[in-house]
ModelCIF file with pLDDT and N, C-alpha, C, O atoms, coordinates in Angstrom:
data_MODEL
#
_entry.id   MODEL 
#
_entity.id                         1 
_entity.type                       polymer 
_entity.pdbx_number_of_molecules   1 
#
_entity_poly.entity_id                      1 
_entity_poly.type                           'polypeptide(L)' 
_entity_poly.nstd_linkage                   no 
_entity_poly.nstd_monomer                   no 
_entity_poly.pdbx_seq_one_letter_code       RTGLDVSLLNKSVNVPLNVSLNDVRAPRSAEKTTLTTTLDAVDGGRP 
_entity_poly.pdbx_seq_one_letter_code_can   RTGLDVSLLNKSVNVPLNVSLNDVRAPRSAEKTTLTTTLDAVDGGRP 
_entity_poly.pdbx_strand_id                 A 
#
loop_
_entity_poly_seq.entity_id 
_entity_poly_seq.num 
_entity_poly_seq.mon_id 
_entity_poly_seq.hetero 
1 1  ARG n 
1 2  THR n 
1 3  GLY n 
1 4  LEU n 
1 5  ASP n 
1 6  VAL n 
1 7  SER n 
1 8  LEU n 
1 9  LEU n 
1 10 ASN n 
1 11 LYS n 
1 12 SER n 
1 13 VAL n 
1 14 ASN n 
1 15 VAL n 
1 16 PRO n 
1 17 LEU n 
1 18 ASN n 
1 19 VAL n 
1 20 SER n 
1 21 LEU n 
1 22 ASN n 
1 23 ASP n 
1 24 VAL n 
1 25 ARG n 
1 26 ALA n 
1 27 PRO n 
1 28 ARG n 
1 29 SER n 
1 30 ALA n 
1 31 GLU n 
1 32 LYS n 
1 33 THR n 
1 34 THR n 
1 35 LEU n 
1 36 THR n 
1 37 THR n 
1 38 THR n 
1 39 LEU n 
1 40 ASP n 
1 41 ALA n 
1 42 VAL n 
1 43 ASP n 
1 44 GLY n 
1 45 GLY n 
1 46 ARG n 
1 47 PRO n 
#
_struct_asym.id          A 
_struct_asym.entity_id   1 
#
loop_
_ma_qa_metric.id 
_ma_qa_metric.mode 
_ma_qa_metric.name 
_ma_qa_metric.software_group_id 
_ma_qa_metric.type 
1 global pLDDT . pLDDT 
2 local  pLDDT . pLDDT 
#
_ma_qa_metric_global.metric_id      1 
_ma_qa_metric_global.metric_value   91.26 
_ma_qa_metric_global.model_id       1 
_ma_qa_metric_global.ordinal_id     1 
#
loop_
_ma_qa_metric_local.label_asym_id 
_ma_qa_metric_local.label_comp_id 
_ma_qa_metric_local.label_seq_id 
_ma_qa_metric_local.metric_id 
_ma_qa_metric_local.metric_value 
_ma_qa_metric_local.model_id 
_ma_qa_metric_local.ordinal_id 
A ARG 1  2 97.00 1 1  
A THR 2  2 97.00 1 2  
A GLY 3  2 96.00 1 3  
A LEU 4  2 96.00 1 4  
A ASP 5  2 94.00 1 5  
A VAL 6  2 93.00 1 6  
A SER 7  2 92.00 1 7  
A LEU 8  2 89.00 1 8  
A LEU 9  2 85.00 1 9  
A ASN 10 2 70.00 1 10 
A LYS 11 2 67.00 1 11 
A SER 12 2 71.00 1 12 
A VAL 13 2 81.00 1 13 
A ASN 14 2 86.00 1 14 
A VAL 15 2 89.00 1 15 
A PRO 16 2 93.00 1 16 
A LEU 17 2 94.00 1 17 
A ASN 18 2 95.00 1 18 
A VAL 19 2 96.00 1 19 
A SER 20 2 97.00 1 20 
A LEU 21 2 97.00 1 21 
A ASN 22 2 97.00 1 22 
A ASP 23 2 97.00 1 23 
A VAL 24 2 97.00 1 24 
A ARG 25 2 97.00 1 25 
A ALA 26 2 96.00 1 26 
A PRO 27 2 94.00 1 27 
A ARG 28 2 96.00 1 28 
A SER 29 2 97.00 1 29 
A ALA 30 2 97.00 1 30 
A GLU 31 2 97.00 1 31 
A LYS 32 2 97.00 1 32 
A THR 33 2 97.00 1 33 
A THR 34 2 97.00 1 34 
A LEU 35 2 96.00 1 35 
A THR 36 2 95.00 1 36 
A THR 37 2 93.00 1 37 
A THR 38 2 92.00 1 38 
A LEU 39 2 90.00 1 39 
A ASP 40 2 84.00 1 40 
A ALA 41 2 82.00 1 41 
A VAL 42 2 87.00 1 42 
A ASP 43 2 86.00 1 43 
A GLY 44 2 84.00 1 44 
A GLY 45 2 87.00 1 45 
A ARG 46 2 90.00 1 46 
A PRO 47 2 92.00 1 47 
#
loop_
_atom_site.group_PDB 
_atom_site.id 
_atom_site.type_symbol 
_atom_site.label_atom_id 
_atom_site.label_alt_id 
_atom_site.label_comp_id 
_atom_site.label_asym_id 
_atom_site.label_entity_id 
_atom_site.label_seq_id 
_atom_site.pdbx_PDB_ins_code 
_atom_site.Cartn_x 
_atom_site.Cartn_y 
_atom_site.Cartn_z 
_atom_site.occupancy 
_atom_site.B_iso_or_equiv 
_atom_site.pdbx_formal_charge 
_atom_site.auth_seq_id 
_atom_site.auth_comp_id 
_atom_site.auth_asym_id 
_atom_site.auth_atom_id 
_atom_site.pdbx_PDB_model_num 
ATOM 1   N N  . ARG A 1 1  ? -14.225 -3.611 -3.695  1.00 97.00 ? 1  ARG A N  1 
ATOM 2   C CA . ARG A 1 1  ? -13.826 -2.729 -2.619  1.00 97.00 ? 1  ARG A CA 1 
ATOM 3   C C  . ARG A 1 1  ? -12.948 -3.502 -1.628  1.00 97.00 ? 1  ARG A C  1 
ATOM 4   O O  . ARG A 1 1  ? -13.342 -4.578 -1.179  1.00 97.00 ? 1  ARG A O  1 
ATOM 5   N N  . THR A 1 2  ? -11.768 -2.974 -1.278  1.00 97.00 ? 2  THR A N  1 
ATOM 6   C CA . THR A 1 2  ? -10.893 -3.628 -0.321  1.00 97.00 ? 2  THR A CA 1 
ATOM 7   C C  . THR A 1 2  ? -10.710 -2.802 0.925   1.00 97.00 ? 2  THR A C  1 
ATOM 8   O O  . THR A 1 2  ? -10.677 -1.573 0.869   1.00 97.00 ? 2  THR A O  1 
ATOM 9   N N  . GLY A 1 3  ? -10.592 -3.471 2.042   1.00 96.00 ? 3  GLY A N  1 
ATOM 10  C CA . GLY A 1 3  ? -10.214 -2.867 3.298   1.00 96.00 ? 3  GLY A CA 1 
ATOM 11  C C  . GLY A 1 3  ? -9.199  -3.717 3.958   1.00 96.00 ? 3  GLY A C  1 
ATOM 12  O O  . GLY A 1 3  ? -9.523  -4.462 4.883   1.00 96.00 ? 3  GLY A O  1 
ATOM 13  N N  . LEU A 1 4  ? -7.917  -3.633 3.500   1.00 96.00 ? 4  LEU A N  1 
ATOM 14  C CA . LEU A 1 4  ? -6.872  -4.504 3.947   1.00 96.00 ? 4  LEU A CA 1 
ATOM 15  C C  . LEU A 1 4  ? -5.734  -3.776 4.690   1.00 96.00 ? 4  LEU A C  1 
ATOM 16  O O  . LEU A 1 4  ? -5.391  -2.638 4.368   1.00 96.00 ? 4  LEU A O  1 
ATOM 17  N N  . ASP A 1 5  ? -5.178  -4.445 5.663   1.00 94.00 ? 5  ASP A N  1 
ATOM 18  C CA . ASP A 1 5  ? -3.972  -3.947 6.335   1.00 94.00 ? 5  ASP A CA 1 
ATOM 19  C C  . ASP A 1 5  ? -2.777  -4.860 5.918   1.00 94.00 ? 5  ASP A C  1 
ATOM 20  O O  . ASP A 1 5  ? -2.829  -6.085 6.037   1.00 94.00 ? 5  ASP A O  1 
ATOM 21  N N  . VAL A 1 6  ? -1.743  -4.220 5.444   1.00 93.00 ? 6  VAL A N  1 
ATOM 22  C CA . VAL A 1 6  ? -0.522  -4.936 4.952   1.00 93.00 ? 6  VAL A CA 1 
ATOM 23  C C  . VAL A 1 6  ? 0.554   -4.726 5.989   1.00 93.00 ? 6  VAL A C  1 
ATOM 24  O O  . VAL A 1 6  ? 1.021   -3.603 6.176   1.00 93.00 ? 6  VAL A O  1 
ATOM 25  N N  . SER A 1 7  ? 0.959   -5.784 6.668   1.00 92.00 ? 7  SER A N  1 
ATOM 26  C CA . SER A 1 7  ? 2.057   -5.706 7.644   1.00 92.00 ? 7  SER A CA 1 
ATOM 27  C C  . SER A 1 7  ? 3.379   -5.960 6.932   1.00 92.00 ? 7  SER A C  1 
ATOM 28  O O  . SER A 1 7  ? 3.486   -6.860 6.098   1.00 92.00 ? 7  SER A O  1 
ATOM 29  N N  . LEU A 1 8  ? 4.390   -5.153 7.272   1.00 89.00 ? 8  LEU A N  1 
ATOM 30  C CA . LEU A 1 8  ? 5.670   -5.253 6.630   1.00 89.00 ? 8  LEU A CA 1 
ATOM 31  C C  . LEU A 1 8  ? 6.691   -6.075 7.430   1.00 89.00 ? 8  LEU A C  1 
ATOM 32  O O  . LEU A 1 8  ? 6.610   -6.123 8.658   1.00 89.00 ? 8  LEU A O  1 
ATOM 33  N N  . LEU A 1 9  ? 7.644   -6.715 6.759   1.00 85.00 ? 9  LEU A N  1 
ATOM 34  C CA . LEU A 1 9  ? 8.629   -7.580 7.408   1.00 85.00 ? 9  LEU A CA 1 
ATOM 35  C C  . LEU A 1 9  ? 9.613   -6.745 8.214   1.00 85.00 ? 9  LEU A C  1 
ATOM 36  O O  . LEU A 1 9  ? 9.921   -7.099 9.352   1.00 85.00 ? 9  LEU A O  1 
ATOM 37  N N  . ASN A 1 10 ? 10.131  -5.613 7.640   1.00 70.00 ? 10 ASN A N  1 
ATOM 38  C CA . ASN A 1 10 ? 11.228  -4.893 8.246   1.00 70.00 ? 10 ASN A CA 1 
ATOM 39  C C  . ASN A 1 10 ? 10.741  -3.666 9.043   1.00 70.00 ? 10 ASN A C  1 
ATOM 40  O O  . ASN A 1 10 ? 11.566  -2.891 9.528   1.00 70.00 ? 10 ASN A O  1 
ATOM 41  N N  . LYS A 1 11 ? 9.439   -3.479 9.186   1.00 67.00 ? 11 LYS A N  1 
ATOM 42  C CA . LYS A 1 11 ? 8.906   -2.411 9.982   1.00 67.00 ? 11 LYS A CA 1 
ATOM 43  C C  . LYS A 1 11 ? 7.694   -2.849 10.767  1.00 67.00 ? 11 LYS A C  1 
ATOM 44  O O  . LYS A 1 11 ? 6.882   -3.631 10.274  1.00 67.00 ? 11 LYS A O  1 
ATOM 45  N N  . SER A 1 12 ? 7.563   -2.356 11.979  1.00 71.00 ? 12 SER A N  1 
ATOM 46  C CA . SER A 1 12 ? 6.419   -2.761 12.799  1.00 71.00 ? 12 SER A CA 1 
ATOM 47  C C  . SER A 1 12 ? 5.235   -1.819 12.570  1.00 71.00 ? 12 SER A C  1 
ATOM 48  O O  . SER A 1 12 ? 4.695   -1.222 13.501  1.00 71.00 ? 12 SER A O  1 
ATOM 49  N N  . VAL A 1 13 ? 4.853   -1.709 11.294  1.00 81.00 ? 13 VAL A N  1 
ATOM 50  C CA . VAL A 1 13 ? 3.695   -0.822 10.897  1.00 81.00 ? 13 VAL A CA 1 
ATOM 51  C C  . VAL A 1 13 ? 2.782   -1.581 9.919   1.00 81.00 ? 13 VAL A C  1 
ATOM 52  O O  . VAL A 1 13 ? 3.148   -2.582 9.303   1.00 81.00 ? 13 VAL A O  1 
ATOM 53  N N  . ASN A 1 14 ? 1.585   -1.033 9.829   1.00 86.00 ? 14 ASN A N  1 
ATOM 54  C CA . ASN A 1 14 ? 0.665   -1.575 8.844   1.00 86.00 ? 14 ASN A CA 1 
ATOM 55  C C  . ASN A 1 14 ? 0.363   -0.521 7.783   1.00 86.00 ? 14 ASN A C  1 
ATOM 56  O O  . ASN A 1 14 ? 0.113   0.647  8.083   1.00 86.00 ? 14 ASN A O  1 
ATOM 57  N N  . VAL A 1 15 ? 0.395   -0.962 6.573   1.00 89.00 ? 15 VAL A N  1 
ATOM 58  C CA . VAL A 1 15 ? 0.076   -0.064 5.434   1.00 89.00 ? 15 VAL A CA 1 
ATOM 59  C C  . VAL A 1 15 ? -1.283  -0.389 4.943   1.00 89.00 ? 15 VAL A C  1 
ATOM 60  O O  . VAL A 1 15 ? -1.522  -1.524 4.532   1.00 89.00 ? 15 VAL A O  1 
ATOM 61  N N  . PRO A 1 16 ? -2.229  0.579  4.962   1.00 93.00 ? 16 PRO A N  1 
ATOM 62  C CA . PRO A 1 16 ? -3.602  0.246  4.492   1.00 93.00 ? 16 PRO A CA 1 
ATOM 63  C C  . PRO A 1 16 ? -3.653  0.141  2.978   1.00 93.00 ? 16 PRO A C  1 
ATOM 64  O O  . PRO A 1 16 ? -2.980  0.867  2.246   1.00 93.00 ? 16 PRO A O  1 
ATOM 65  N N  . LEU A 1 17 ? -4.485  -0.799 2.544   1.00 94.00 ? 17 LEU A N  1 
ATOM 66  C CA . LEU A 1 17 ? -4.785  -0.922 1.106   1.00 94.00 ? 17 LEU A CA 1 
ATOM 67  C C  . LEU A 1 17 ? -6.302  -0.803 0.965   1.00 94.00 ? 17 LEU A C  1 
ATOM 68  O O  . LEU A 1 17 ? -7.010  -1.809 1.017   1.00 94.00 ? 17 LEU A O  1 
ATOM 69  N N  . ASN A 1 18 ? -6.805  0.425  0.785   1.00 95.00 ? 18 ASN A N  1 
ATOM 70  C CA . ASN A 1 18 ? -8.191  0.725  0.663   1.00 95.00 ? 18 ASN A CA 1 
ATOM 71  C C  . ASN A 1 18 ? -8.440  1.275  -0.775  1.00 95.00 ? 18 ASN A C  1 
ATOM 72  O O  . ASN A 1 18 ? -8.257  2.465  -1.031  1.00 95.00 ? 18 ASN A O  1 
ATOM 73  N N  . VAL A 1 19 ? -8.857  0.388  -1.692  1.00 96.00 ? 19 VAL A N  1 
ATOM 74  C CA . VAL A 1 19 ? -9.062  0.765  -3.064  1.00 96.00 ? 19 VAL A CA 1 
ATOM 75  C C  . VAL A 1 19 ? -10.423 0.253  -3.526  1.00 96.00 ? 19 VAL A C  1 
ATOM 76  O O  . VAL A 1 19 ? -11.006 -0.648 -2.921  1.00 96.00 ? 19 VAL A O  1 
ATOM 77  N N  . SER A 1 20 ? -10.905 0.839  -4.595  1.00 97.00 ? 20 SER A N  1 
ATOM 78  C CA . SER A 1 20 ? -12.251 0.362  -5.157  1.00 97.00 ? 20 SER A CA 1 
ATOM 79  C C  . SER A 1 20 ? -12.179 0.527  -6.693  1.00 97.00 ? 20 SER A C  1 
ATOM 80  O O  . SER A 1 20 ? -11.408 1.321  -7.233  1.00 97.00 ? 20 SER A O  1 
ATOM 81  N N  . LEU A 1 21 ? -13.013 -0.258 -7.340  1.00 97.00 ? 21 LEU A N  1 
ATOM 82  C CA . LEU A 1 21 ? -13.096 -0.247 -8.783  1.00 97.00 ? 21 LEU A CA 1 
ATOM 83  C C  . LEU A 1 21 ? -14.534 -0.023 -9.186  1.00 97.00 ? 21 LEU A C  1 
ATOM 84  O O  . LEU A 1 21 ? -15.438 -0.719 -8.725  1.00 97.00 ? 21 LEU A O  1 
ATOM 85  N N  . ASN A 1 22 ? -14.741 0.963  -10.058 1.00 97.00 ? 22 ASN A N  1 
ATOM 86  C CA . ASN A 1 22 ? -16.091 1.246  -10.568 1.00 97.00 ? 22 ASN A CA 1 
ATOM 87  C C  . ASN A 1 22 ? -17.082 1.487  -9.447  1.00 97.00 ? 22 ASN A C  1 
ATOM 88  O O  . ASN A 1 22 ? -18.146 0.869  -9.414  1.00 97.00 ? 22 ASN A O  1 
ATOM 89  N N  . ASP A 1 23 ? -16.752 2.357  -8.552  1.00 97.00 ? 23 ASP A N  1 
ATOM 90  C CA . ASP A 1 23 ? -17.622 2.741  -7.435  1.00 97.00 ? 23 ASP A CA 1 
ATOM 91  C C  . ASP A 1 23 ? -18.458 3.955  -7.906  1.00 97.00 ? 23 ASP A C  1 
ATOM 92  O O  . ASP A 1 23 ? -17.915 5.054  -8.012  1.00 97.00 ? 23 ASP A O  1 
ATOM 93  N N  . VAL A 1 24 ? -19.754 3.780  -8.187  1.00 97.00 ? 24 VAL A N  1 
ATOM 94  C CA . VAL A 1 24 ? -20.538 4.839  -8.776  1.00 97.00 ? 24 VAL A CA 1 
ATOM 95  C C  . VAL A 1 24 ? -21.797 5.114  -7.952  1.00 97.00 ? 24 VAL A C  1 
ATOM 96  O O  . VAL A 1 24 ? -22.292 4.255  -7.222  1.00 97.00 ? 24 VAL A O  1 
ATOM 97  N N  . ARG A 1 25 ? -22.287 6.323  -8.096  1.00 97.00 ? 25 ARG A N  1 
ATOM 98  C CA . ARG A 1 25 ? -23.590 6.752  -7.520  1.00 97.00 ? 25 ARG A CA 1 
ATOM 99  C C  . ARG A 1 25 ? -24.471 7.258  -8.640  1.00 97.00 ? 25 ARG A C  1 
ATOM 100 O O  . ARG A 1 25 ? -23.972 7.806  -9.622  1.00 97.00 ? 25 ARG A O  1 
ATOM 101 N N  . ALA A 1 26 ? -25.775 7.083  -8.506  1.00 96.00 ? 26 ALA A N  1 
ATOM 102 C CA . ALA A 1 26 ? -26.714 7.485  -9.551  1.00 96.00 ? 26 ALA A CA 1 
ATOM 103 C C  . ALA A 1 26 ? -26.639 9.011  -9.790  1.00 96.00 ? 26 ALA A C  1 
ATOM 104 O O  . ALA A 1 26 ? -26.485 9.799  -8.857  1.00 96.00 ? 26 ALA A O  1 
ATOM 105 N N  . PRO A 1 27 ? -26.756 9.394  -11.085 1.00 94.00 ? 27 PRO A N  1 
ATOM 106 C CA . PRO A 1 27 ? -26.882 8.570  -12.283 1.00 94.00 ? 27 PRO A CA 1 
ATOM 107 C C  . PRO A 1 27 ? -25.523 8.425  -12.956 1.00 94.00 ? 27 PRO A C  1 
ATOM 108 O O  . PRO A 1 27 ? -25.092 9.340  -13.658 1.00 94.00 ? 27 PRO A O  1 
ATOM 109 N N  . ARG A 1 28 ? -24.845 7.317  -12.766 1.00 96.00 ? 28 ARG A N  1 
ATOM 110 C CA . ARG A 1 28 ? -23.514 7.130  -13.348 1.00 96.00 ? 28 ARG A CA 1 
ATOM 111 C C  . ARG A 1 28 ? -23.294 5.647  -13.645 1.00 96.00 ? 28 ARG A C  1 
ATOM 112 O O  . ARG A 1 28 ? -24.018 4.790  -13.139 1.00 96.00 ? 28 ARG A O  1 
ATOM 113 N N  . SER A 1 29 ? -22.289 5.355  -14.468 1.00 97.00 ? 29 SER A N  1 
ATOM 114 C CA . SER A 1 29 ? -21.911 4.005  -14.755 1.00 97.00 ? 29 SER A CA 1 
ATOM 115 C C  . SER A 1 29 ? -20.416 3.953  -15.057 1.00 97.00 ? 29 SER A C  1 
ATOM 116 O O  . SER A 1 29 ? -19.845 4.973  -15.441 1.00 97.00 ? 29 SER A O  1 
ATOM 117 N N  . ALA A 1 30 ? -19.760 2.797  -14.897 1.00 97.00 ? 30 ALA A N  1 
ATOM 118 C CA . ALA A 1 30 ? -18.330 2.644  -15.204 1.00 97.00 ? 30 ALA A CA 1 
ATOM 119 C C  . ALA A 1 30 ? -18.060 1.219  -15.615 1.00 97.00 ? 30 ALA A C  1 
ATOM 120 O O  . ALA A 1 30 ? -18.729 0.284  -15.175 1.00 97.00 ? 30 ALA A O  1 
ATOM 121 N N  . GLU A 1 31 ? -17.064 1.072  -16.470 1.00 97.00 ? 31 GLU A N  1 
ATOM 122 C CA . GLU A 1 31 ? -16.752 -0.284 -17.071 1.00 97.00 ? 31 GLU A CA 1 
ATOM 123 C C  . GLU A 1 31 ? -15.261 -0.487 -17.098 1.00 97.00 ? 31 GLU A C  1 
ATOM 124 O O  . GLU A 1 31 ? -14.773 -1.143 -18.019 1.00 97.00 ? 31 GLU A O  1 
ATOM 125 N N  . LYS A 1 32 ? -14.510 0.022  -16.165 1.00 97.00 ? 32 LYS A N  1 
ATOM 126 C CA . LYS A 1 32 ? -13.066 -0.225 -16.151 1.00 97.00 ? 32 LYS A CA 1 
ATOM 127 C C  . LYS A 1 32 ? -12.830 -1.639 -15.683 1.00 97.00 ? 32 LYS A C  1 
ATOM 128 O O  . LYS A 1 32 ? -13.442 -2.095 -14.717 1.00 97.00 ? 32 LYS A O  1 
ATOM 129 N N  . THR A 1 33 ? -11.895 -2.371 -16.405 1.00 97.00 ? 33 THR A N  1 
ATOM 130 C CA . THR A 1 33 ? -11.700 -3.787 -16.155 1.00 97.00 ? 33 THR A CA 1 
ATOM 131 C C  . THR A 1 33 ? -10.410 -4.147 -15.454 1.00 97.00 ? 33 THR A C  1 
ATOM 132 O O  . THR A 1 33 ? -10.173 -5.331 -15.213 1.00 97.00 ? 33 THR A O  1 
ATOM 133 N N  . THR A 1 34 ? -9.550  -3.180 -15.108 1.00 97.00 ? 34 THR A N  1 
ATOM 134 C CA . THR A 1 34 ? -8.349  -3.441 -14.360 1.00 97.00 ? 34 THR A CA 1 
ATOM 135 C C  . THR A 1 34 ? -8.167  -2.412 -13.237 1.00 97.00 ? 34 THR A C  1 
ATOM 136 O O  . THR A 1 34 ? -8.649  -1.283 -13.326 1.00 97.00 ? 34 THR A O  1 
ATOM 137 N N  . LEU A 1 35 ? -7.465  -2.827 -12.188 1.00 96.00 ? 35 LEU A N  1 
ATOM 138 C CA . LEU A 1 35 ? -7.163  -1.972 -11.099 1.00 96.00 ? 35 LEU A CA 1 
ATOM 139 C C  . LEU A 1 35 ? -5.706  -2.207 -10.681 1.00 96.00 ? 35 LEU A C  1 
ATOM 140 O O  . LEU A 1 35 ? -5.331  -3.305 -10.271 1.00 96.00 ? 35 LEU A O  1 
ATOM 141 N N  . THR A 1 36 ? -4.900  -1.152 -10.794 1.00 95.00 ? 36 THR A N  1 
ATOM 142 C CA . THR A 1 36 ? -3.483  -1.250 -10.429 1.00 95.00 ? 36 THR A CA 1 
ATOM 143 C C  . THR A 1 36 ? -3.191  -0.171 -9.382  1.00 95.00 ? 36 THR A C  1 
ATOM 144 O O  . THR A 1 36 ? -3.686  0.951  -9.489  1.00 95.00 ? 36 THR A O  1 
ATOM 145 N N  . THR A 1 37 ? -2.396  -0.508 -8.383  1.00 93.00 ? 37 THR A N  1 
ATOM 146 C CA . THR A 1 37 ? -2.033  0.457  -7.371  1.00 93.00 ? 37 THR A CA 1 
ATOM 147 C C  . THR A 1 37 ? -0.605  0.233  -6.904  1.00 93.00 ? 37 THR A C  1 
ATOM 148 O O  . THR A 1 37 ? 0.077   -0.688 -7.352  1.00 93.00 ? 37 THR A O  1 
ATOM 149 N N  . THR A 1 38 ? -0.169  1.092  -5.997  1.00 92.00 ? 38 THR A N  1 
ATOM 150 C CA . THR A 1 38 ? 1.223   0.949  -5.455  1.00 92.00 ? 38 THR A CA 1 
ATOM 151 C C  . THR A 1 38 ? 1.184   1.197  -3.944  1.00 92.00 ? 38 THR A C  1 
ATOM 152 O O  . THR A 1 38 ? 0.362   1.956  -3.429  1.00 92.00 ? 38 THR A O  1 
ATOM 153 N N  . LEU A 1 39 ? 2.116   0.520  -3.260  1.00 90.00 ? 39 LEU A N  1 
ATOM 154 C CA . LEU A 1 39 ? 2.341   0.750  -1.859  1.00 90.00 ? 39 LEU A CA 1 
ATOM 155 C C  . LEU A 1 39 ? 3.843   1.018  -1.714  1.00 90.00 ? 39 LEU A C  1 
ATOM 156 O O  . LEU A 1 39 ? 4.653   0.198  -2.147  1.00 90.00 ? 39 LEU A O  1 
ATOM 157 N N  . ASP A 1 40 ? 4.228   2.142  -1.118  1.00 84.00 ? 40 ASP A N  1 
ATOM 158 C CA . ASP A 1 40 ? 5.607   2.605  -1.123  1.00 84.00 ? 40 ASP A CA 1 
ATOM 159 C C  . ASP A 1 40 ? 6.574   1.568  -0.577  1.00 84.00 ? 40 ASP A C  1 
ATOM 160 O O  . ASP A 1 40 ? 7.678   1.432  -1.106  1.00 84.00 ? 40 ASP A O  1 
ATOM 161 N N  . ALA A 1 41 ? 6.206   0.845  0.443   1.00 82.00 ? 41 ALA A N  1 
ATOM 162 C CA . ALA A 1 41 ? 7.133   -0.069 1.116   1.00 82.00 ? 41 ALA A CA 1 
ATOM 163 C C  . ALA A 1 41 ? 7.011   -1.547 0.597   1.00 82.00 ? 41 ALA A C  1 
ATOM 164 O O  . ALA A 1 41 ? 7.659   -2.450 1.126   1.00 82.00 ? 41 ALA A O  1 
ATOM 165 N N  . VAL A 1 42 ? 6.206   -1.750 -0.398  1.00 87.00 ? 42 VAL A N  1 
ATOM 166 C CA . VAL A 1 42 ? 6.027   -3.090 -0.921  1.00 87.00 ? 42 VAL A CA 1 
ATOM 167 C C  . VAL A 1 42 ? 6.671   -3.168 -2.332  1.00 87.00 ? 42 VAL A C  1 
ATOM 168 O O  . VAL A 1 42 ? 6.385   -2.368 -3.223  1.00 87.00 ? 42 VAL A O  1 
ATOM 169 N N  . ASP A 1 43 ? 7.550   -4.172 -2.474  1.00 86.00 ? 43 ASP A N  1 
ATOM 170 C CA . ASP A 1 43 ? 8.240   -4.430 -3.771  1.00 86.00 ? 43 ASP A CA 1 
ATOM 171 C C  . ASP A 1 43 ? 8.833   -3.157 -4.336  1.00 86.00 ? 43 ASP A C  1 
ATOM 172 O O  . ASP A 1 43 ? 8.705   -2.868 -5.526  1.00 86.00 ? 43 ASP A O  1 
ATOM 173 N N  . GLY A 1 44 ? 9.489   -2.392 -3.460  1.00 84.00 ? 44 GLY A N  1 
ATOM 174 C CA . GLY A 1 44 ? 10.204  -1.192 -3.934  1.00 84.00 ? 44 GLY A CA 1 
ATOM 175 C C  . GLY A 1 44 ? 9.288   -0.086 -4.456  1.00 84.00 ? 44 GLY A C  1 
ATOM 176 O O  . GLY A 1 44 ? 9.741   0.801  -5.179  1.00 84.00 ? 44 GLY A O  1 
ATOM 177 N N  . GLY A 1 45 ? 8.022   -0.131 -4.102  1.00 87.00 ? 45 GLY A N  1 
ATOM 178 C CA . GLY A 1 45 ? 7.093   0.889  -4.576  1.00 87.00 ? 45 GLY A CA 1 
ATOM 179 C C  . GLY A 1 45 ? 6.662   0.714  -6.024  1.00 87.00 ? 45 GLY A C  1 
ATOM 180 O O  . GLY A 1 45 ? 6.106   1.636  -6.620  1.00 87.00 ? 45 GLY A O  1 
ATOM 181 N N  . ARG A 1 46 ? 6.909   -0.438 -6.584  1.00 90.00 ? 46 ARG A N  1 
ATOM 182 C CA . ARG A 1 46 ? 6.443   -0.693 -7.983  1.00 90.00 ? 46 ARG A CA 1 
ATOM 183 C C  . ARG A 1 46 ? 4.984   -0.977 -8.034  1.00 90.00 ? 46 ARG A C  1 
ATOM 184 O O  . ARG A 1 46 ? 4.453   -1.529 -7.070  1.00 90.00 ? 46 ARG A O  1 
ATOM 185 N N  . PRO A 1 47 ? 4.281   -0.636 -9.103  1.00 92.00 ? 47 PRO A N  1 
ATOM 186 C CA . PRO A 1 47 ? 2.880   -0.886 -9.240  1.00 92.00 ? 47 PRO A CA 1 
ATOM 187 C C  . PRO A 1 47 ? 2.595   -2.396 -9.268  1.00 92.00 ? 47 PRO A C  1 
ATOM 188 O O  . PRO A 1 47 ? 1.439   -2.804 -9.381  1.00 92.00 ? 47 PRO A O  1 
#
């Protein structure tokens, strides 16, 4: 689980990065092994 603020060079704003992997509640399970995301203003919006 992440709770990150990403500050950009060319804008005086923060872009939140709030993501989680395999966040489950009973009765469940998960086994995903990768997490990929995108931020519009970071690296041209590429994943």
